[in-house]
N, C-alpha and C. Protein backbone atom coordinates (compact mmCIF):
# COMPACT_ATOMS: atom_id res chain seq x y z
N MET A 1 62.94 -10.40 31.56
CA MET A 1 63.21 -10.66 30.17
C MET A 1 61.87 -10.74 29.42
N ALA A 2 61.72 -9.98 28.38
CA ALA A 2 60.50 -10.00 27.58
C ALA A 2 60.51 -11.20 26.65
N GLY A 3 59.35 -11.78 26.47
CA GLY A 3 59.24 -12.95 25.63
C GLY A 3 58.74 -12.61 24.24
N GLU A 4 58.25 -13.62 23.58
CA GLU A 4 57.70 -13.46 22.23
C GLU A 4 56.30 -12.86 22.32
N ARG A 5 55.89 -12.23 21.22
CA ARG A 5 54.52 -11.70 21.12
C ARG A 5 53.70 -12.70 20.32
N ILE A 6 52.62 -13.17 20.91
CA ILE A 6 51.76 -14.18 20.30
C ILE A 6 50.39 -13.57 20.05
N GLY A 7 49.96 -13.61 18.79
CA GLY A 7 48.66 -13.06 18.44
C GLY A 7 47.55 -14.07 18.69
N LEU A 8 46.37 -13.56 18.97
CA LEU A 8 45.19 -14.40 19.18
C LEU A 8 44.12 -13.99 18.18
N ARG A 9 43.53 -14.98 17.53
CA ARG A 9 42.42 -14.71 16.61
C ARG A 9 41.32 -15.71 16.99
N TYR A 10 40.18 -15.18 17.43
CA TYR A 10 39.07 -16.01 17.89
C TYR A 10 38.02 -16.19 16.81
N CYS A 11 37.28 -17.30 16.91
CA CYS A 11 36.14 -17.54 16.03
C CYS A 11 34.94 -16.74 16.54
N GLY A 12 33.81 -16.92 15.89
CA GLY A 12 32.60 -16.19 16.25
C GLY A 12 31.92 -16.65 17.53
N GLY A 13 32.28 -17.81 18.05
CA GLY A 13 31.74 -18.25 19.32
C GLY A 13 30.37 -18.90 19.26
N CYS A 14 30.08 -19.62 18.19
CA CYS A 14 28.75 -20.23 18.05
C CYS A 14 28.56 -21.44 18.95
N ASN A 15 29.63 -22.05 19.44
CA ASN A 15 29.53 -23.24 20.27
C ASN A 15 29.56 -22.83 21.75
N PRO A 16 28.40 -22.84 22.43
CA PRO A 16 28.37 -22.40 23.82
C PRO A 16 29.04 -23.39 24.78
N ARG A 17 29.34 -24.60 24.32
CA ARG A 17 29.97 -25.60 25.19
C ARG A 17 31.49 -25.50 25.19
N PHE A 18 32.05 -24.66 24.35
CA PHE A 18 33.50 -24.52 24.26
C PHE A 18 33.91 -23.13 24.77
N ASP A 19 34.70 -23.12 25.82
CA ASP A 19 35.16 -21.86 26.40
C ASP A 19 36.51 -21.50 25.79
N ARG A 20 36.47 -20.64 24.78
CA ARG A 20 37.69 -20.27 24.04
C ARG A 20 38.69 -19.56 24.93
N VAL A 21 38.19 -18.67 25.78
CA VAL A 21 39.07 -17.91 26.67
C VAL A 21 39.76 -18.83 27.67
N ALA A 22 39.04 -19.81 28.20
CA ALA A 22 39.64 -20.74 29.16
C ALA A 22 40.77 -21.55 28.52
N LEU A 23 40.59 -21.95 27.26
CA LEU A 23 41.65 -22.67 26.57
C LEU A 23 42.91 -21.80 26.46
N VAL A 24 42.73 -20.56 26.06
CA VAL A 24 43.89 -19.66 25.93
C VAL A 24 44.55 -19.44 27.29
N GLU A 25 43.77 -19.28 28.34
CA GLU A 25 44.34 -19.08 29.68
C GLU A 25 45.17 -20.29 30.10
N GLN A 26 44.71 -21.50 29.76
CA GLN A 26 45.47 -22.70 30.10
C GLN A 26 46.75 -22.81 29.27
N VAL A 27 46.70 -22.38 28.04
CA VAL A 27 47.90 -22.39 27.19
C VAL A 27 48.90 -21.35 27.69
N GLN A 28 48.42 -20.20 28.13
CA GLN A 28 49.30 -19.14 28.61
C GLN A 28 50.16 -19.59 29.79
N ILE A 29 49.69 -20.53 30.57
CA ILE A 29 50.45 -21.02 31.72
C ILE A 29 51.80 -21.58 31.27
N CYS A 30 51.84 -22.18 30.09
CA CYS A 30 53.08 -22.76 29.56
C CYS A 30 54.02 -21.71 28.97
N PHE A 31 53.55 -20.48 28.83
CA PHE A 31 54.33 -19.40 28.21
C PHE A 31 54.32 -18.17 29.12
N PRO A 32 54.88 -18.27 30.33
CA PRO A 32 54.75 -17.18 31.30
C PRO A 32 55.46 -15.89 30.88
N GLU A 33 56.48 -15.97 30.06
CA GLU A 33 57.23 -14.76 29.67
C GLU A 33 56.73 -14.15 28.37
N ASP A 34 55.84 -14.83 27.69
CA ASP A 34 55.36 -14.35 26.40
C ASP A 34 54.12 -13.48 26.55
N ILE A 35 53.89 -12.62 25.58
CA ILE A 35 52.77 -11.68 25.60
C ILE A 35 51.71 -12.16 24.63
N PHE A 36 50.50 -12.39 25.12
CA PHE A 36 49.37 -12.78 24.29
C PHE A 36 48.51 -11.55 24.04
N GLU A 37 48.22 -11.28 22.76
CA GLU A 37 47.44 -10.10 22.39
C GLU A 37 46.65 -10.41 21.14
N LEU A 38 45.67 -9.59 20.83
CA LEU A 38 44.89 -9.81 19.61
C LEU A 38 45.81 -9.75 18.39
N ALA A 39 45.54 -10.62 17.44
CA ALA A 39 46.41 -10.73 16.26
C ALA A 39 46.31 -9.50 15.38
N ASP A 40 47.48 -9.07 14.91
CA ASP A 40 47.59 -7.94 14.00
C ASP A 40 48.81 -8.19 13.12
N ALA A 41 48.61 -8.25 11.84
CA ALA A 41 49.70 -8.58 10.91
C ALA A 41 50.85 -7.58 10.96
N SER A 42 50.59 -6.36 11.34
CA SER A 42 51.64 -5.34 11.31
C SER A 42 52.29 -5.10 12.67
N SER A 43 52.02 -5.95 13.66
CA SER A 43 52.54 -5.68 15.01
C SER A 43 53.78 -6.47 15.38
N GLY A 44 54.34 -7.25 14.47
CA GLY A 44 55.57 -7.97 14.75
C GLY A 44 55.40 -9.19 15.64
N GLN A 45 54.27 -9.84 15.57
CA GLN A 45 54.05 -11.03 16.38
C GLN A 45 54.80 -12.21 15.79
N SER A 46 55.24 -13.10 16.66
CA SER A 46 56.02 -14.26 16.22
C SER A 46 55.16 -15.38 15.69
N ALA A 47 53.93 -15.50 16.17
CA ALA A 47 52.99 -16.53 15.73
C ALA A 47 51.59 -16.08 16.11
N VAL A 48 50.60 -16.75 15.52
CA VAL A 48 49.20 -16.44 15.84
C VAL A 48 48.50 -17.73 16.22
N LEU A 49 47.82 -17.69 17.36
CA LEU A 49 47.00 -18.80 17.82
C LEU A 49 45.59 -18.55 17.34
N VAL A 50 45.09 -19.43 16.48
CA VAL A 50 43.76 -19.30 15.88
C VAL A 50 42.82 -20.26 16.60
N ILE A 51 41.84 -19.70 17.32
CA ILE A 51 40.94 -20.51 18.13
C ILE A 51 39.60 -20.64 17.44
N HIS A 52 39.19 -21.90 17.20
CA HIS A 52 37.88 -22.14 16.58
C HIS A 52 37.11 -23.16 17.41
N GLY A 53 35.81 -22.93 17.55
CA GLY A 53 34.99 -23.75 18.43
C GLY A 53 34.10 -24.77 17.74
N CYS A 54 34.16 -24.88 16.44
CA CYS A 54 33.33 -25.85 15.72
C CYS A 54 34.03 -26.22 14.41
N PRO A 55 33.53 -27.21 13.71
CA PRO A 55 34.20 -27.65 12.48
C PRO A 55 34.16 -26.66 11.32
N SER A 56 33.38 -25.60 11.40
CA SER A 56 33.27 -24.69 10.25
C SER A 56 34.52 -23.84 10.02
N ASN A 57 35.37 -23.69 11.02
CA ASN A 57 36.60 -22.89 10.89
C ASN A 57 36.32 -21.52 10.26
N CYS A 58 35.48 -20.74 10.89
CA CYS A 58 35.06 -19.46 10.32
C CYS A 58 36.07 -18.34 10.53
N VAL A 59 37.16 -18.60 11.21
CA VAL A 59 38.13 -17.56 11.52
C VAL A 59 38.81 -17.07 10.25
N ASN A 60 38.76 -15.77 10.02
CA ASN A 60 39.39 -15.17 8.84
C ASN A 60 40.84 -14.84 9.17
N VAL A 61 41.76 -15.46 8.44
CA VAL A 61 43.19 -15.23 8.68
C VAL A 61 43.89 -14.72 7.43
N THR A 62 43.14 -14.24 6.45
CA THR A 62 43.76 -13.80 5.19
C THR A 62 44.71 -12.64 5.39
N ASP A 63 44.49 -11.81 6.39
CA ASP A 63 45.38 -10.68 6.64
C ASP A 63 46.65 -11.08 7.39
N LEU A 64 46.76 -12.34 7.79
CA LEU A 64 47.91 -12.79 8.58
C LEU A 64 48.90 -13.61 7.76
N GLU A 65 48.86 -13.43 6.45
CA GLU A 65 49.73 -14.19 5.56
C GLU A 65 51.20 -13.97 5.93
N GLY A 66 51.94 -15.05 5.99
CA GLY A 66 53.35 -14.98 6.31
C GLY A 66 53.66 -15.26 7.77
N LEU A 67 52.65 -15.21 8.64
CA LEU A 67 52.88 -15.51 10.06
C LEU A 67 52.60 -16.99 10.31
N PRO A 68 53.36 -17.61 11.21
CA PRO A 68 53.03 -18.99 11.57
C PRO A 68 51.67 -19.03 12.27
N LEU A 69 50.76 -19.85 11.78
CA LEU A 69 49.44 -19.98 12.37
C LEU A 69 49.34 -21.33 13.08
N VAL A 70 48.86 -21.29 14.32
CA VAL A 70 48.65 -22.50 15.11
C VAL A 70 47.17 -22.57 15.43
N THR A 71 46.51 -23.63 14.97
CA THR A 71 45.08 -23.75 15.23
C THR A 71 44.83 -24.46 16.55
N ALA A 72 43.80 -24.00 17.23
CA ALA A 72 43.36 -24.59 18.49
C ALA A 72 41.86 -24.76 18.40
N GLY A 73 41.41 -25.99 18.43
CA GLY A 73 39.99 -26.25 18.26
C GLY A 73 39.33 -26.80 19.50
N TYR A 74 38.06 -26.99 19.38
CA TYR A 74 37.24 -27.46 20.48
C TYR A 74 37.59 -28.89 20.90
N GLN A 75 38.30 -29.63 20.08
CA GLN A 75 38.69 -30.99 20.41
C GLN A 75 40.13 -31.09 20.89
N ASP A 76 40.85 -29.99 20.93
CA ASP A 76 42.25 -30.00 21.34
C ASP A 76 42.39 -29.81 22.84
N THR A 77 43.41 -30.45 23.39
CA THR A 77 43.74 -30.22 24.79
C THR A 77 44.71 -29.05 24.88
N PRO A 78 44.77 -28.37 26.02
CA PRO A 78 45.76 -27.29 26.17
C PRO A 78 47.19 -27.76 25.96
N GLU A 79 47.46 -29.00 26.33
CA GLU A 79 48.81 -29.54 26.16
C GLU A 79 49.17 -29.67 24.68
N ASP A 80 48.22 -30.17 23.88
CA ASP A 80 48.46 -30.30 22.43
C ASP A 80 48.69 -28.94 21.79
N VAL A 81 47.86 -27.98 22.15
CA VAL A 81 47.99 -26.63 21.59
C VAL A 81 49.33 -26.02 22.00
N SER A 82 49.71 -26.22 23.26
CA SER A 82 50.99 -25.67 23.74
C SER A 82 52.16 -26.26 22.98
N ARG A 83 52.12 -27.57 22.70
CA ARG A 83 53.20 -28.20 21.94
C ARG A 83 53.30 -27.61 20.53
N ARG A 84 52.16 -27.45 19.88
CA ARG A 84 52.18 -26.89 18.52
C ARG A 84 52.65 -25.44 18.52
N LEU A 85 52.22 -24.67 19.50
CA LEU A 85 52.65 -23.28 19.59
C LEU A 85 54.14 -23.20 19.88
N TRP A 86 54.62 -24.04 20.76
CA TRP A 86 56.06 -24.07 21.08
C TRP A 86 56.86 -24.37 19.81
N ALA A 87 56.42 -25.33 19.05
CA ALA A 87 57.13 -25.68 17.81
C ALA A 87 57.11 -24.52 16.83
N ALA A 88 56.00 -23.81 16.73
CA ALA A 88 55.91 -22.68 15.79
C ALA A 88 56.81 -21.53 16.22
N LEU A 89 56.95 -21.34 17.50
CA LEU A 89 57.78 -20.23 17.99
C LEU A 89 59.26 -20.56 17.98
N ARG A 90 59.62 -21.75 18.32
CA ARG A 90 61.03 -22.09 18.52
C ARG A 90 61.66 -22.81 17.34
N ARG A 91 60.88 -23.59 16.62
CA ARG A 91 61.42 -24.37 15.50
C ARG A 91 60.48 -24.28 14.32
N PRO A 92 60.45 -23.16 13.65
CA PRO A 92 59.52 -23.04 12.52
C PRO A 92 59.85 -24.05 11.43
N GLU A 93 58.79 -24.62 10.85
CA GLU A 93 58.98 -25.58 9.77
C GLU A 93 59.47 -24.86 8.53
N LYS A 94 60.23 -25.59 7.71
CA LYS A 94 60.69 -25.02 6.46
C LYS A 94 59.53 -24.89 5.50
N LYS A 95 59.52 -23.81 4.78
CA LYS A 95 58.51 -23.64 3.75
C LYS A 95 58.83 -24.60 2.61
N ARG A 96 57.84 -24.91 1.83
CA ARG A 96 58.03 -25.84 0.72
C ARG A 96 59.12 -25.36 -0.23
N ASP A 97 59.21 -24.05 -0.46
CA ASP A 97 60.23 -23.52 -1.38
C ASP A 97 61.63 -23.64 -0.80
N ASP A 98 61.75 -23.68 0.54
CA ASP A 98 63.06 -23.77 1.18
C ASP A 98 63.52 -25.21 1.40
N ALA A 99 62.63 -26.16 1.20
CA ALA A 99 62.97 -27.56 1.46
C ALA A 99 64.03 -28.04 0.47
N PRO A 100 64.94 -28.88 0.94
CA PRO A 100 65.96 -29.40 0.03
C PRO A 100 65.32 -30.24 -1.07
N ARG A 101 65.86 -30.13 -2.24
CA ARG A 101 65.34 -30.87 -3.40
C ARG A 101 66.07 -32.21 -3.51
N ARG A 102 65.30 -33.25 -3.82
CA ARG A 102 65.90 -34.55 -4.06
C ARG A 102 66.35 -34.60 -5.51
N ARG A 103 67.45 -35.25 -5.74
CA ARG A 103 67.97 -35.38 -7.10
C ARG A 103 67.74 -36.80 -7.60
N GLY A 104 67.67 -36.93 -8.88
CA GLY A 104 67.51 -38.25 -9.48
C GLY A 104 66.05 -38.67 -9.55
N ARG A 105 65.87 -39.88 -9.99
CA ARG A 105 64.52 -40.40 -10.14
C ARG A 105 63.97 -40.83 -8.79
N PRO A 106 62.67 -40.70 -8.61
CA PRO A 106 62.09 -41.20 -7.37
C PRO A 106 62.20 -42.71 -7.29
N ARG A 107 62.35 -43.22 -6.10
CA ARG A 107 62.47 -44.67 -5.93
C ARG A 107 61.10 -45.31 -6.13
N ALA A 108 61.12 -46.48 -6.74
CA ALA A 108 59.89 -47.21 -6.96
C ALA A 108 59.47 -47.87 -5.65
N ILE A 109 58.19 -47.94 -5.42
CA ILE A 109 57.66 -48.61 -4.23
C ILE A 109 57.57 -50.09 -4.55
N PRO A 110 58.19 -50.94 -3.74
CA PRO A 110 58.15 -52.37 -4.04
C PRO A 110 56.72 -52.89 -3.93
N ALA A 111 56.40 -53.83 -4.80
CA ALA A 111 55.06 -54.43 -4.78
C ALA A 111 54.95 -55.37 -3.59
N GLY A 112 53.77 -55.43 -3.03
CA GLY A 112 53.51 -56.33 -1.92
C GLY A 112 53.29 -57.74 -2.41
N PRO A 113 52.98 -58.64 -1.52
CA PRO A 113 52.75 -60.03 -1.94
C PRO A 113 51.52 -60.13 -2.84
N ASP A 114 51.57 -61.08 -3.75
CA ASP A 114 50.47 -61.28 -4.69
C ASP A 114 49.32 -61.98 -3.96
N THR A 115 48.20 -61.28 -3.79
CA THR A 115 47.06 -61.82 -3.05
C THR A 115 45.94 -62.25 -3.99
N THR A 116 46.20 -62.27 -5.30
CA THR A 116 45.15 -62.61 -6.26
C THR A 116 45.04 -64.11 -6.47
N LYS A 117 45.93 -64.92 -5.94
CA LYS A 117 45.93 -66.38 -6.17
C LYS A 117 44.92 -67.06 -5.31
């Protein structure tokens, strides 16, 4: 049985202490039936795993608009990334435009105890 197609988009690799490929290999263990390939907006991928190795987040994803993006950084564990990827593939979040609208006035937040005395 063929699985989902998952795109990969890597950062520039400026952090020599972070092995981007090893992280992806560990995540792939949780998705044995899925196909991991380089990200391409026109290839029908179900989600894209965006791997970044430092806080600058230099990965360009402007061409991937409309696809669920899952970020995986140098501080993430493979388990955390796998959970986020699983959620993106199996239970996509509702877009803001699709979210149900609340009717009526917003409820007021009750004031806390008076600490000025």
